[in-house]
Amino acid sequence: MPRTAARYLYLTRHGEASPDESGLSEAGRQQAVLLGQRLGRVPLTAVHHGPLARAEETARLIGDQLDGVPLRRSAAAGDYLPHVPSRDELPPQAADDWLEFLGRFTGEEREQGPDLAAAALTEFTGPVDGDETHHELLVTHNFLVGWLVRAALDAPNWRWLGINHANAALTVIRYTPDRPPALLLFNDTAHLPNKLRWTGFPGELNDWLG
C-alpha cells in the first residue's frame, strides 16, 4: 500500500488591496512582508497563489522573505464562489440576505466556482504521497479560505458563507493519514501591529477590539 504523510496547509488572504484592486495598498505590502518574516522558520515546500494581482503580489512579497521557496500560480487558488446554495440549504432566518448577496455575482461567476472549488480540495488538501511531511502556503481570497475551513470541519457546503478572514492573517490546517483534518490556527495576526490587523474584517470589530 502506498505510504502517505501529513500535510500542513498555511492559509492566508492576500494583503489589503489598493482601491482599484490592481495590487496591494501600502498597508497590504507591509502586511505581506511581515507575514513572510513570520513564516521564515517554517520548512515550506511551495507558495501557491491565485492569478489576481493582489494575491500574486502578496505571494511575491512573502517569497522575498523566504529562502528559495518556489511560487506556484493556480487558478484553483483564485477568487470565486465555491458553492452557490439553494434556499433550502440555508437557515431560514438568513436565506434572504445570503441569496441577495450571492445574486450580485454574474452567472459566469456562479457557474465556474464549484469546479474550481473541487479542484482546490484536490490540489491543496489531504495527506501527501510518500514519507515526508509537507508544509505549503496558500495565498488566496476570503471565499476560498472559508471553503477550506468549512471542509476541514466537515460542515455543510453552504457554511463557507460567514467565515471571514483578515488580510494577511494566518490559518493552519493539518491533514494526517487516518485522522480527520485539524484546524490548528485560525485568523492569527500576531505578526501584525495593531494598525494593520483589522483590514478585511467587518468594520465594527475594529471599533470594538482595535
N, C-alpha and C. Protein backbone atom coordinates (compact mmCIF):
# COMPACT_ATOMS: atom_id res chain seq x y z
N MET A 1 0.85 -1.19 0.00
CA MET A 1 0.00 0.00 0.00
C MET A 1 0.89 1.25 0.00
N PRO A 2 0.61 2.25 -0.86
CA PRO A 2 1.43 3.48 -0.89
C PRO A 2 1.39 4.19 0.46
N ARG A 3 2.53 4.75 0.84
CA ARG A 3 2.63 5.46 2.10
C ARG A 3 2.21 6.91 1.91
N THR A 4 1.62 7.49 2.94
CA THR A 4 1.24 8.89 2.91
C THR A 4 1.75 9.58 4.17
N ALA A 5 1.94 10.88 4.06
CA ALA A 5 2.47 11.68 5.17
C ALA A 5 1.57 12.89 5.39
N ALA A 6 1.82 13.57 6.48
CA ALA A 6 1.00 14.72 6.85
C ALA A 6 1.28 15.92 5.94
N ARG A 7 0.25 16.71 5.75
CA ARG A 7 0.38 17.99 5.07
C ARG A 7 -0.09 19.09 6.04
N TYR A 8 0.73 20.12 6.18
CA TYR A 8 0.34 21.33 6.90
C TYR A 8 0.06 22.40 5.86
N LEU A 9 -1.18 22.85 5.81
CA LEU A 9 -1.58 23.89 4.87
C LEU A 9 -1.69 25.21 5.62
N TYR A 10 -0.85 26.16 5.25
CA TYR A 10 -0.86 27.50 5.82
C TYR A 10 -1.67 28.37 4.86
N LEU A 11 -2.74 28.90 5.37
CA LEU A 11 -3.68 29.67 4.55
C LEU A 11 -3.60 31.15 4.90
N THR A 12 -3.60 32.01 3.89
CA THR A 12 -3.73 33.43 4.17
C THR A 12 -4.55 34.09 3.08
N ARG A 13 -5.24 35.13 3.46
CA ARG A 13 -5.87 36.02 2.49
C ARG A 13 -4.83 37.05 2.07
N HIS A 14 -4.85 37.45 0.82
CA HIS A 14 -3.92 38.47 0.33
C HIS A 14 -3.90 39.70 1.23
N GLY A 15 -2.86 40.49 1.14
CA GLY A 15 -2.80 41.75 1.87
C GLY A 15 -3.88 42.72 1.39
N GLU A 16 -4.06 43.78 2.15
CA GLU A 16 -5.07 44.77 1.79
C GLU A 16 -4.85 45.26 0.36
N ALA A 17 -5.92 45.28 -0.43
CA ALA A 17 -5.82 45.68 -1.83
C ALA A 17 -5.87 47.19 -1.96
N SER A 18 -5.31 47.69 -3.06
CA SER A 18 -5.45 49.10 -3.42
C SER A 18 -6.92 49.36 -3.77
N PRO A 19 -7.35 50.63 -3.77
CA PRO A 19 -8.77 50.92 -4.05
C PRO A 19 -9.28 50.33 -5.36
N ASP A 20 -8.44 50.28 -6.41
CA ASP A 20 -8.88 49.72 -7.69
C ASP A 20 -8.56 48.24 -7.83
N GLU A 21 -8.03 47.63 -6.77
CA GLU A 21 -7.70 46.20 -6.73
C GLU A 21 -6.69 45.79 -7.80
N SER A 22 -5.87 46.76 -8.24
CA SER A 22 -4.83 46.44 -9.21
C SER A 22 -3.58 45.86 -8.56
N GLY A 23 -3.56 45.81 -7.27
CA GLY A 23 -2.43 45.31 -6.50
C GLY A 23 -2.70 45.56 -5.03
N LEU A 24 -1.65 45.76 -4.26
CA LEU A 24 -1.78 45.98 -2.82
C LEU A 24 -1.64 47.45 -2.49
N SER A 25 -2.29 47.85 -1.41
CA SER A 25 -2.04 49.16 -0.82
C SER A 25 -0.70 49.13 -0.10
N GLU A 26 -0.25 50.28 0.38
CA GLU A 26 0.99 50.30 1.18
C GLU A 26 0.82 49.45 2.42
N ALA A 27 -0.35 49.52 3.06
CA ALA A 27 -0.59 48.66 4.23
C ALA A 27 -0.54 47.19 3.85
N GLY A 28 -1.11 46.85 2.69
CA GLY A 28 -1.10 45.47 2.24
C GLY A 28 0.31 44.96 1.99
N ARG A 29 1.17 45.81 1.45
CA ARG A 29 2.56 45.39 1.23
C ARG A 29 3.27 45.16 2.56
N GLN A 30 3.02 46.01 3.53
CA GLN A 30 3.62 45.81 4.85
C GLN A 30 3.12 44.51 5.46
N GLN A 31 1.83 44.25 5.34
CA GLN A 31 1.27 43.01 5.88
C GLN A 31 1.95 41.78 5.28
N ALA A 32 2.13 41.80 3.96
CA ALA A 32 2.73 40.65 3.28
C ALA A 32 4.17 40.41 3.74
N VAL A 33 4.94 41.48 3.85
CA VAL A 33 6.33 41.34 4.28
C VAL A 33 6.40 40.77 5.70
N LEU A 34 5.56 41.27 6.58
CA LEU A 34 5.57 40.79 7.96
C LEU A 34 5.14 39.33 8.05
N LEU A 35 4.17 38.94 7.25
CA LEU A 35 3.79 37.53 7.25
C LEU A 35 4.93 36.67 6.72
N GLY A 36 5.60 37.12 5.68
CA GLY A 36 6.75 36.37 5.17
C GLY A 36 7.83 36.20 6.22
N GLN A 37 8.08 37.24 6.98
CA GLN A 37 9.08 37.15 8.05
C GLN A 37 8.65 36.15 9.11
N ARG A 38 7.38 36.13 9.44
CA ARG A 38 6.89 35.16 10.43
C ARG A 38 7.07 33.73 9.94
N LEU A 39 6.89 33.52 8.65
CA LEU A 39 6.97 32.17 8.08
C LEU A 39 8.40 31.73 7.78
N GLY A 40 9.35 32.57 8.09
CA GLY A 40 10.73 32.28 7.71
C GLY A 40 11.29 31.00 8.27
N ARG A 41 10.80 30.57 9.43
CA ARG A 41 11.32 29.34 10.05
C ARG A 41 10.51 28.10 9.67
N VAL A 42 9.42 28.29 8.94
CA VAL A 42 8.60 27.15 8.53
C VAL A 42 9.25 26.48 7.32
N PRO A 43 9.39 25.16 7.31
CA PRO A 43 10.03 24.47 6.17
C PRO A 43 9.09 24.35 4.97
N LEU A 44 8.69 25.49 4.42
CA LEU A 44 7.73 25.48 3.32
C LEU A 44 8.35 24.86 2.07
N THR A 45 7.55 24.06 1.38
CA THR A 45 7.98 23.46 0.11
C THR A 45 7.43 24.22 -1.08
N ALA A 46 6.39 25.04 -0.90
CA ALA A 46 5.81 25.78 -2.01
C ALA A 46 4.93 26.90 -1.47
N VAL A 47 4.81 27.97 -2.24
CA VAL A 47 3.83 29.03 -2.01
C VAL A 47 2.90 29.03 -3.21
N HIS A 48 1.67 28.60 -3.01
CA HIS A 48 0.65 28.61 -4.05
C HIS A 48 -0.11 29.94 -3.97
N HIS A 49 -0.50 30.47 -5.11
CA HIS A 49 -1.25 31.72 -5.08
C HIS A 49 -2.20 31.79 -6.26
N GLY A 50 -3.24 32.59 -6.09
CA GLY A 50 -4.20 32.81 -7.14
C GLY A 50 -3.67 33.72 -8.23
N PRO A 51 -4.40 33.82 -9.35
CA PRO A 51 -3.92 34.59 -10.50
C PRO A 51 -4.15 36.09 -10.43
N LEU A 52 -4.96 36.58 -9.51
CA LEU A 52 -5.24 38.01 -9.46
C LEU A 52 -4.04 38.77 -8.86
N ALA A 53 -3.92 40.04 -9.25
CA ALA A 53 -2.73 40.82 -8.90
C ALA A 53 -2.52 40.92 -7.40
N ARG A 54 -3.58 41.09 -6.63
CA ARG A 54 -3.40 41.27 -5.19
C ARG A 54 -2.88 40.01 -4.51
N ALA A 55 -3.27 38.83 -5.01
CA ALA A 55 -2.73 37.57 -4.47
C ALA A 55 -1.31 37.33 -4.96
N GLU A 56 -1.07 37.62 -6.23
CA GLU A 56 0.26 37.39 -6.79
C GLU A 56 1.30 38.30 -6.14
N GLU A 57 0.95 39.56 -5.91
CA GLU A 57 1.89 40.47 -5.26
C GLU A 57 2.15 40.05 -3.82
N THR A 58 1.11 39.64 -3.13
CA THR A 58 1.28 39.15 -1.76
C THR A 58 2.24 37.97 -1.72
N ALA A 59 2.05 37.02 -2.61
CA ALA A 59 2.90 35.83 -2.65
C ALA A 59 4.35 36.22 -2.95
N ARG A 60 4.54 37.16 -3.87
CA ARG A 60 5.91 37.57 -4.22
C ARG A 60 6.60 38.22 -3.02
N LEU A 61 5.89 39.08 -2.31
CA LEU A 61 6.49 39.76 -1.16
C LEU A 61 6.78 38.77 -0.03
N ILE A 62 5.90 37.81 0.16
CA ILE A 62 6.18 36.76 1.14
C ILE A 62 7.40 35.96 0.70
N GLY A 63 7.42 35.58 -0.58
CA GLY A 63 8.53 34.79 -1.09
C GLY A 63 9.87 35.48 -0.95
N ASP A 64 9.87 36.81 -1.04
CA ASP A 64 11.12 37.56 -0.88
C ASP A 64 11.72 37.39 0.52
N GLN A 65 10.90 37.00 1.48
CA GLN A 65 11.38 36.82 2.86
C GLN A 65 11.79 35.37 3.13
N LEU A 66 11.59 34.50 2.16
CA LEU A 66 11.88 33.08 2.32
C LEU A 66 13.13 32.71 1.52
N ASP A 67 13.62 31.52 1.75
CA ASP A 67 14.89 31.10 1.13
C ASP A 67 14.61 30.09 0.02
N GLY A 68 14.39 30.60 -1.19
CA GLY A 68 14.28 29.72 -2.34
C GLY A 68 13.02 28.89 -2.44
N VAL A 69 11.95 29.30 -1.79
CA VAL A 69 10.70 28.54 -1.87
C VAL A 69 10.00 28.91 -3.18
N PRO A 70 9.63 27.94 -4.00
CA PRO A 70 9.03 28.26 -5.30
C PRO A 70 7.61 28.82 -5.16
N LEU A 71 7.28 29.77 -6.05
CA LEU A 71 5.92 30.32 -6.14
C LEU A 71 5.20 29.60 -7.27
N ARG A 72 3.98 29.17 -7.00
CA ARG A 72 3.21 28.41 -7.99
C ARG A 72 1.82 29.02 -8.15
N ARG A 73 1.56 29.52 -9.33
CA ARG A 73 0.27 30.13 -9.64
C ARG A 73 -0.75 29.05 -9.96
N SER A 74 -1.97 29.20 -9.43
CA SER A 74 -3.01 28.19 -9.64
C SER A 74 -4.37 28.86 -9.76
N ALA A 75 -5.12 28.50 -10.80
CA ALA A 75 -6.49 29.02 -10.95
C ALA A 75 -7.36 28.59 -9.78
N ALA A 76 -7.08 27.41 -9.23
CA ALA A 76 -7.89 26.91 -8.11
C ALA A 76 -7.69 27.73 -6.85
N ALA A 77 -6.64 28.55 -6.79
CA ALA A 77 -6.40 29.42 -5.64
C ALA A 77 -7.02 30.80 -5.82
N GLY A 78 -7.85 30.97 -6.84
CA GLY A 78 -8.38 32.28 -7.17
C GLY A 78 -9.57 32.71 -6.35
N ASP A 79 -10.21 33.78 -6.82
CA ASP A 79 -11.35 34.40 -6.13
C ASP A 79 -12.62 34.01 -6.87
N TYR A 80 -13.45 33.19 -6.25
CA TYR A 80 -14.66 32.71 -6.91
C TYR A 80 -15.66 32.24 -5.85
N LEU A 81 -16.88 31.99 -6.28
CA LEU A 81 -17.91 31.45 -5.39
C LEU A 81 -17.75 29.93 -5.35
N PRO A 82 -17.34 29.36 -4.24
CA PRO A 82 -17.07 27.92 -4.23
C PRO A 82 -18.33 27.06 -4.27
N HIS A 83 -19.42 27.59 -3.77
CA HIS A 83 -20.69 26.84 -3.76
C HIS A 83 -21.82 27.85 -3.66
N VAL A 84 -22.80 27.70 -4.54
CA VAL A 84 -23.98 28.58 -4.51
C VAL A 84 -25.15 27.76 -3.98
N PRO A 85 -25.55 27.99 -2.76
CA PRO A 85 -26.59 27.16 -2.15
C PRO A 85 -27.98 27.51 -2.66
N SER A 86 -28.86 26.54 -2.57
CA SER A 86 -30.28 26.80 -2.79
C SER A 86 -30.88 27.35 -1.50
N ARG A 87 -32.07 27.90 -1.60
CA ARG A 87 -32.74 28.42 -0.40
C ARG A 87 -32.92 27.32 0.64
N ASP A 88 -33.21 26.10 0.19
CA ASP A 88 -33.47 25.02 1.13
C ASP A 88 -32.25 24.66 1.97
N GLU A 89 -31.06 24.94 1.46
CA GLU A 89 -29.84 24.64 2.22
C GLU A 89 -29.60 25.62 3.35
N LEU A 90 -30.12 26.82 3.24
CA LEU A 90 -29.76 27.90 4.15
C LEU A 90 -30.69 27.97 5.35
N PRO A 91 -30.19 28.45 6.49
CA PRO A 91 -31.07 28.69 7.63
C PRO A 91 -32.15 29.70 7.24
N PRO A 92 -33.41 29.45 7.56
CA PRO A 92 -34.49 30.33 7.11
C PRO A 92 -34.28 31.79 7.49
N GLN A 93 -33.73 32.04 8.66
CA GLN A 93 -33.58 33.42 9.11
C GLN A 93 -32.52 34.19 8.34
N ALA A 94 -31.62 33.47 7.63
CA ALA A 94 -30.54 34.12 6.90
C ALA A 94 -30.68 34.01 5.39
N ALA A 95 -31.64 33.21 4.92
CA ALA A 95 -31.70 32.87 3.50
C ALA A 95 -31.85 34.10 2.61
N ASP A 96 -32.73 35.03 2.96
CA ASP A 96 -32.94 36.19 2.10
C ASP A 96 -31.66 37.01 1.94
N ASP A 97 -30.98 37.26 3.04
CA ASP A 97 -29.76 38.07 2.98
C ASP A 97 -28.67 37.38 2.17
N TRP A 98 -28.50 36.08 2.40
CA TRP A 98 -27.43 35.37 1.68
C TRP A 98 -27.74 35.30 0.19
N LEU A 99 -28.99 35.02 -0.16
CA LEU A 99 -29.34 34.91 -1.57
C LEU A 99 -29.24 36.26 -2.27
N GLU A 100 -29.57 37.33 -1.56
CA GLU A 100 -29.40 38.66 -2.15
C GLU A 100 -27.93 38.95 -2.41
N PHE A 101 -27.08 38.58 -1.47
CA PHE A 101 -25.64 38.77 -1.63
C PHE A 101 -25.12 37.97 -2.83
N LEU A 102 -25.48 36.70 -2.91
CA LEU A 102 -24.99 35.85 -3.99
C LEU A 102 -25.53 36.28 -5.34
N GLY A 103 -26.71 36.89 -5.34
CA GLY A 103 -27.31 37.35 -6.58
C GLY A 103 -26.57 38.51 -7.22
N ARG A 104 -25.63 39.13 -6.51
CA ARG A 104 -24.85 40.23 -7.09
C ARG A 104 -23.80 39.74 -8.08
N PHE A 105 -23.51 38.44 -8.06
CA PHE A 105 -22.46 37.90 -8.92
C PHE A 105 -23.05 37.47 -10.25
N THR A 106 -22.22 37.48 -11.28
CA THR A 106 -22.68 37.12 -12.61
C THR A 106 -22.95 35.62 -12.71
N GLY A 107 -23.71 35.27 -13.75
CA GLY A 107 -23.96 33.86 -13.99
C GLY A 107 -22.70 33.07 -14.23
N GLU A 108 -21.74 33.68 -14.93
CA GLU A 108 -20.47 33.02 -15.19
C GLU A 108 -19.71 32.75 -13.89
N GLU A 109 -19.72 33.74 -12.99
CA GLU A 109 -19.04 33.56 -11.70
C GLU A 109 -19.70 32.45 -10.89
N ARG A 110 -21.00 32.37 -10.96
CA ARG A 110 -21.73 31.36 -10.19
C ARG A 110 -21.51 29.95 -10.76
N GLU A 111 -21.30 29.87 -12.08
CA GLU A 111 -21.16 28.56 -12.71
C GLU A 111 -19.75 28.01 -12.61
N GLN A 112 -18.74 28.86 -12.69
CA GLN A 112 -17.36 28.39 -12.70
C GLN A 112 -16.83 27.99 -11.33
N GLY A 113 -17.37 28.60 -10.28
CA GLY A 113 -16.82 28.41 -8.95
C GLY A 113 -16.78 26.99 -8.44
N PRO A 114 -17.86 26.22 -8.55
CA PRO A 114 -17.84 24.87 -7.97
C PRO A 114 -16.75 23.96 -8.52
N ASP A 115 -16.48 24.04 -9.83
CA ASP A 115 -15.41 23.20 -10.39
C ASP A 115 -14.04 23.63 -9.84
N LEU A 116 -13.82 24.93 -9.70
CA LEU A 116 -12.56 25.40 -9.14
C LEU A 116 -12.45 25.01 -7.67
N ALA A 117 -13.56 25.07 -6.95
CA ALA A 117 -13.55 24.67 -5.53
C ALA A 117 -13.22 23.20 -5.37
N ALA A 118 -13.76 22.36 -6.25
CA ALA A 118 -13.42 20.93 -6.21
C ALA A 118 -11.94 20.73 -6.52
N ALA A 119 -11.43 21.49 -7.48
CA ALA A 119 -10.01 21.38 -7.81
C ALA A 119 -9.14 21.82 -6.64
N ALA A 120 -9.57 22.85 -5.90
CA ALA A 120 -8.80 23.31 -4.74
C ALA A 120 -8.73 22.23 -3.67
N LEU A 121 -9.82 21.52 -3.44
CA LEU A 121 -9.79 20.44 -2.45
C LEU A 121 -8.82 19.34 -2.88
N THR A 122 -8.81 19.04 -4.17
CA THR A 122 -7.90 18.01 -4.67
C THR A 122 -6.45 18.46 -4.59
N GLU A 123 -6.20 19.72 -4.95
CA GLU A 123 -4.83 20.22 -5.08
C GLU A 123 -4.17 20.56 -3.75
N PHE A 124 -4.95 21.07 -2.80
CA PHE A 124 -4.34 21.67 -1.61
C PHE A 124 -4.63 20.94 -0.30
N THR A 125 -5.51 19.96 -0.29
CA THR A 125 -5.90 19.35 0.98
C THR A 125 -5.56 17.86 0.99
N GLY A 126 -5.61 17.30 2.20
CA GLY A 126 -5.38 15.88 2.38
C GLY A 126 -3.91 15.55 2.58
N PRO A 127 -3.61 14.35 3.09
CA PRO A 127 -2.23 13.90 3.23
C PRO A 127 -1.54 13.84 1.86
N VAL A 128 -0.22 13.74 1.89
CA VAL A 128 0.58 13.71 0.66
C VAL A 128 1.22 12.34 0.49
N ASP A 129 1.52 12.00 -0.74
CA ASP A 129 2.18 10.72 -1.02
C ASP A 129 3.62 10.76 -0.49
N GLY A 130 4.07 9.60 -0.02
CA GLY A 130 5.46 9.48 0.43
C GLY A 130 5.60 9.50 1.93
N ASP A 131 6.83 9.66 2.39
CA ASP A 131 7.15 9.60 3.81
C ASP A 131 7.43 10.97 4.43
N GLU A 132 7.50 12.01 3.61
CA GLU A 132 7.96 13.31 4.09
C GLU A 132 6.79 14.27 4.29
N THR A 133 6.71 14.85 5.47
CA THR A 133 5.68 15.85 5.77
C THR A 133 5.87 17.08 4.89
N HIS A 134 4.76 17.60 4.37
CA HIS A 134 4.80 18.80 3.55
C HIS A 134 4.24 19.99 4.31
N HIS A 135 4.85 21.15 4.09
CA HIS A 135 4.37 22.42 4.60
C HIS A 135 4.17 23.34 3.39
N GLU A 136 2.94 23.75 3.13
CA GLU A 136 2.64 24.55 1.95
C GLU A 136 1.83 25.78 2.35
N LEU A 137 2.13 26.89 1.71
CA LEU A 137 1.38 28.14 1.93
C LEU A 137 0.47 28.37 0.74
N LEU A 138 -0.77 28.74 1.03
CA LEU A 138 -1.74 29.10 0.00
C LEU A 138 -2.16 30.56 0.21
N VAL A 139 -1.82 31.41 -0.74
CA VAL A 139 -2.20 32.82 -0.71
C VAL A 139 -3.42 32.97 -1.60
N THR A 140 -4.56 33.28 -1.00
CA THR A 140 -5.80 33.23 -1.74
C THR A 140 -6.73 34.36 -1.31
N HIS A 141 -8.03 34.10 -1.31
CA HIS A 141 -9.05 35.12 -1.07
C HIS A 141 -10.01 34.64 0.00
N ASN A 142 -10.82 35.55 0.48
CA ASN A 142 -11.69 35.26 1.62
C ASN A 142 -12.60 34.05 1.38
N PHE A 143 -13.19 33.97 0.19
CA PHE A 143 -14.15 32.90 -0.06
C PHE A 143 -13.49 31.52 0.00
N LEU A 144 -12.31 31.38 -0.59
CA LEU A 144 -11.67 30.07 -0.59
C LEU A 144 -11.16 29.69 0.80
N VAL A 145 -10.69 30.66 1.57
CA VAL A 145 -10.33 30.34 2.96
C VAL A 145 -11.54 29.76 3.68
N GLY A 146 -12.70 30.41 3.54
CA GLY A 146 -13.91 29.91 4.17
C GLY A 146 -14.28 28.52 3.70
N TRP A 147 -14.12 28.28 2.40
CA TRP A 147 -14.45 26.97 1.83
C TRP A 147 -13.55 25.87 2.40
N LEU A 148 -12.27 26.13 2.52
CA LEU A 148 -11.34 25.11 3.01
C LEU A 148 -11.49 24.88 4.51
N VAL A 149 -11.76 25.94 5.26
CA VAL A 149 -12.03 25.77 6.68
C VAL A 149 -13.31 24.97 6.88
N ARG A 150 -14.35 25.31 6.11
CA ARG A 150 -15.61 24.56 6.17
C ARG A 150 -15.38 23.07 5.91
N ALA A 151 -14.58 22.77 4.86
CA ALA A 151 -14.32 21.38 4.53
C ALA A 151 -13.56 20.67 5.64
N ALA A 152 -12.59 21.36 6.24
CA ALA A 152 -11.81 20.75 7.33
C ALA A 152 -12.69 20.39 8.52
N LEU A 153 -13.72 21.19 8.74
CA LEU A 153 -14.63 20.96 9.87
C LEU A 153 -15.81 20.07 9.49
N ASP A 154 -15.84 19.62 8.22
CA ASP A 154 -16.92 18.77 7.73
C ASP A 154 -18.29 19.43 7.91
N ALA A 155 -18.32 20.73 7.69
CA ALA A 155 -19.56 21.49 7.79
C ALA A 155 -20.31 21.44 6.46
N PRO A 156 -21.60 21.77 6.45
CA PRO A 156 -22.35 21.78 5.18
C PRO A 156 -21.71 22.70 4.15
N ASN A 157 -21.96 22.42 2.88
CA ASN A 157 -21.32 23.18 1.81
C ASN A 157 -21.59 24.67 1.88
N TRP A 158 -22.79 25.06 2.30
CA TRP A 158 -23.13 26.48 2.32
C TRP A 158 -22.36 27.23 3.39
N ARG A 159 -21.72 26.53 4.33
CA ARG A 159 -21.18 27.19 5.51
C ARG A 159 -19.89 27.95 5.27
N TRP A 160 -19.39 27.96 4.02
CA TRP A 160 -18.29 28.87 3.71
C TRP A 160 -18.74 30.32 3.89
N LEU A 161 -20.04 30.54 3.73
CA LEU A 161 -20.59 31.87 3.97
C LEU A 161 -20.46 32.23 5.45
N GLY A 162 -20.03 33.44 5.72
CA GLY A 162 -19.94 33.90 7.11
C GLY A 162 -18.63 33.59 7.79
N ILE A 163 -17.69 32.94 7.10
CA ILE A 163 -16.35 32.73 7.65
C ILE A 163 -15.47 33.83 7.09
N ASN A 164 -15.08 34.77 7.94
CA ASN A 164 -14.31 35.93 7.49
C ASN A 164 -12.85 35.80 7.87
N HIS A 165 -11.99 36.26 6.98
CA HIS A 165 -10.55 36.17 7.20
C HIS A 165 -9.93 37.54 6.99
N ALA A 166 -9.11 37.96 7.92
CA ALA A 166 -8.44 39.24 7.80
C ALA A 166 -7.34 39.17 6.74
N ASN A 167 -7.01 40.31 6.16
CA ASN A 167 -5.89 40.36 5.22
C ASN A 167 -4.60 39.94 5.92
N ALA A 168 -3.87 39.01 5.29
CA ALA A 168 -2.56 38.56 5.75
C ALA A 168 -2.59 37.90 7.13
N ALA A 169 -3.76 37.51 7.61
CA ALA A 169 -3.83 36.68 8.82
C ALA A 169 -3.42 35.25 8.45
N LEU A 170 -3.19 34.43 9.45
CA LEU A 170 -2.67 33.08 9.23
C LEU A 170 -3.61 32.04 9.81
N THR A 171 -3.95 31.06 8.98
CA THR A 171 -4.72 29.89 9.39
C THR A 171 -3.92 28.66 9.02
N VAL A 172 -3.92 27.64 9.88
CA VAL A 172 -3.17 26.42 9.62
C VAL A 172 -4.09 25.22 9.80
N ILE A 173 -4.12 24.36 8.79
CA ILE A 173 -4.89 23.12 8.83
C ILE A 173 -3.90 21.96 8.65
N ARG A 174 -4.02 20.94 9.50
CA ARG A 174 -3.18 19.75 9.39
C ARG A 174 -4.01 18.59 8.85
N TYR A 175 -3.49 17.95 7.82
CA TYR A 175 -4.11 16.76 7.23
C TYR A 175 -3.19 15.57 7.51
N THR A 176 -3.69 14.62 8.28
CA THR A 176 -2.88 13.49 8.72
C THR A 176 -3.53 12.19 8.28
N PRO A 177 -2.75 11.21 7.83
CA PRO A 177 -3.34 9.92 7.46
C PRO A 177 -4.14 9.32 8.62
N ASP A 178 -5.32 8.81 8.30
CA ASP A 178 -6.16 8.09 9.25
C ASP A 178 -6.75 8.97 10.35
N ARG A 179 -6.73 10.30 10.15
CA ARG A 179 -7.37 11.19 11.11
C ARG A 179 -8.14 12.27 10.37
N PRO A 180 -9.17 12.83 10.99
CA PRO A 180 -9.83 13.97 10.37
C PRO A 180 -8.88 15.17 10.34
N PRO A 181 -9.12 16.13 9.43
CA PRO A 181 -8.31 17.34 9.44
C PRO A 181 -8.41 18.06 10.78
N ALA A 182 -7.35 18.76 11.13
CA ALA A 182 -7.32 19.51 12.39
C ALA A 182 -7.07 20.99 12.09
N LEU A 183 -7.95 21.84 12.58
CA LEU A 183 -7.77 23.28 12.45
C LEU A 183 -6.90 23.73 13.62
N LEU A 184 -5.62 23.97 13.34
CA LEU A 184 -4.65 24.27 14.40
C LEU A 184 -4.61 25.75 14.76
N LEU A 185 -4.89 26.60 13.80
CA LEU A 185 -4.76 28.04 13.99
C LEU A 185 -5.75 28.70 13.05
N PHE A 186 -6.41 29.76 13.52
CA PHE A 186 -7.38 30.44 12.65
C PHE A 186 -7.26 31.94 12.82
N ASN A 187 -7.05 32.63 11.70
CA ASN A 187 -7.12 34.09 11.66
C ASN A 187 -6.13 34.75 12.61
N ASP A 188 -4.96 34.17 12.76
CA ASP A 188 -3.98 34.70 13.70
C ASP A 188 -3.24 35.88 13.07
N THR A 189 -3.15 36.98 13.80
CA THR A 189 -2.49 38.19 13.30
C THR A 189 -1.37 38.64 14.23
N ALA A 190 -0.75 37.70 14.95
CA ALA A 190 0.28 38.06 15.92
C ALA A 190 1.48 38.74 15.26
N HIS A 191 1.69 38.52 13.97
CA HIS A 191 2.82 39.10 13.26
C HIS A 191 2.56 40.54 12.82
N LEU A 192 1.35 41.02 12.99
CA LEU A 192 0.99 42.36 12.52
C LEU A 192 0.83 43.32 13.69
N PRO A 193 1.31 44.56 13.55
CA PRO A 193 0.99 45.57 14.57
C PRO A 193 -0.50 45.88 14.52
N ASN A 194 -1.01 46.45 15.60
CA ASN A 194 -2.44 46.64 15.71
C ASN A 194 -3.03 47.42 14.54
N LYS A 195 -2.33 48.41 14.04
CA LYS A 195 -2.87 49.25 12.96
C LYS A 195 -3.04 48.49 11.65
N LEU A 196 -2.40 47.31 11.53
CA LEU A 196 -2.52 46.52 10.31
C LEU A 196 -3.37 45.27 10.49
N ARG A 197 -3.95 45.06 11.66
CA ARG A 197 -4.61 43.79 11.94
C ARG A 197 -6.06 43.71 11.46
N TRP A 198 -6.73 44.78 11.25
CA TRP A 198 -8.18 44.72 11.14
C TRP A 198 -8.71 44.95 9.74
N THR A 199 -7.85 44.99 8.73
CA THR A 199 -8.36 45.17 7.38
C THR A 199 -8.98 43.87 6.87
N GLY A 200 -10.08 44.01 6.15
CA GLY A 200 -10.77 42.85 5.62
C GLY A 200 -11.85 42.29 6.52
N PHE A 201 -11.89 42.70 7.77
CA PHE A 201 -12.92 42.27 8.70
C PHE A 201 -14.10 43.24 8.67
N PRO A 202 -15.27 42.82 9.15
CA PRO A 202 -16.35 43.80 9.34
C PRO A 202 -15.89 44.95 10.21
N GLY A 203 -16.26 46.18 9.84
CA GLY A 203 -15.73 47.37 10.47
C GLY A 203 -15.97 47.47 11.96
N GLU A 204 -17.07 46.87 12.43
CA GLU A 204 -17.37 47.03 13.86
C GLU A 204 -16.34 46.33 14.75
N LEU A 205 -15.65 45.31 14.24
CA LEU A 205 -14.65 44.65 15.04
C LEU A 205 -13.49 45.61 15.35
N ASN A 206 -13.12 46.39 14.37
CA ASN A 206 -12.07 47.39 14.61
C ASN A 206 -12.51 48.37 15.67
N ASP A 207 -13.77 48.79 15.63
CA ASP A 207 -14.30 49.72 16.61
C ASP A 207 -14.27 49.13 18.01
N TRP A 208 -14.58 47.86 18.12
CA TRP A 208 -14.68 47.23 19.44
C TRP A 208 -13.35 46.70 19.97
N LEU A 209 -12.53 46.15 19.07
CA LEU A 209 -11.36 45.42 19.51
C LEU A 209 -10.03 46.03 19.07
N GLY A 210 -10.06 46.97 18.15
CA GLY A 210 -8.83 47.54 17.61
C GLY A 210 -8.11 48.44 18.60
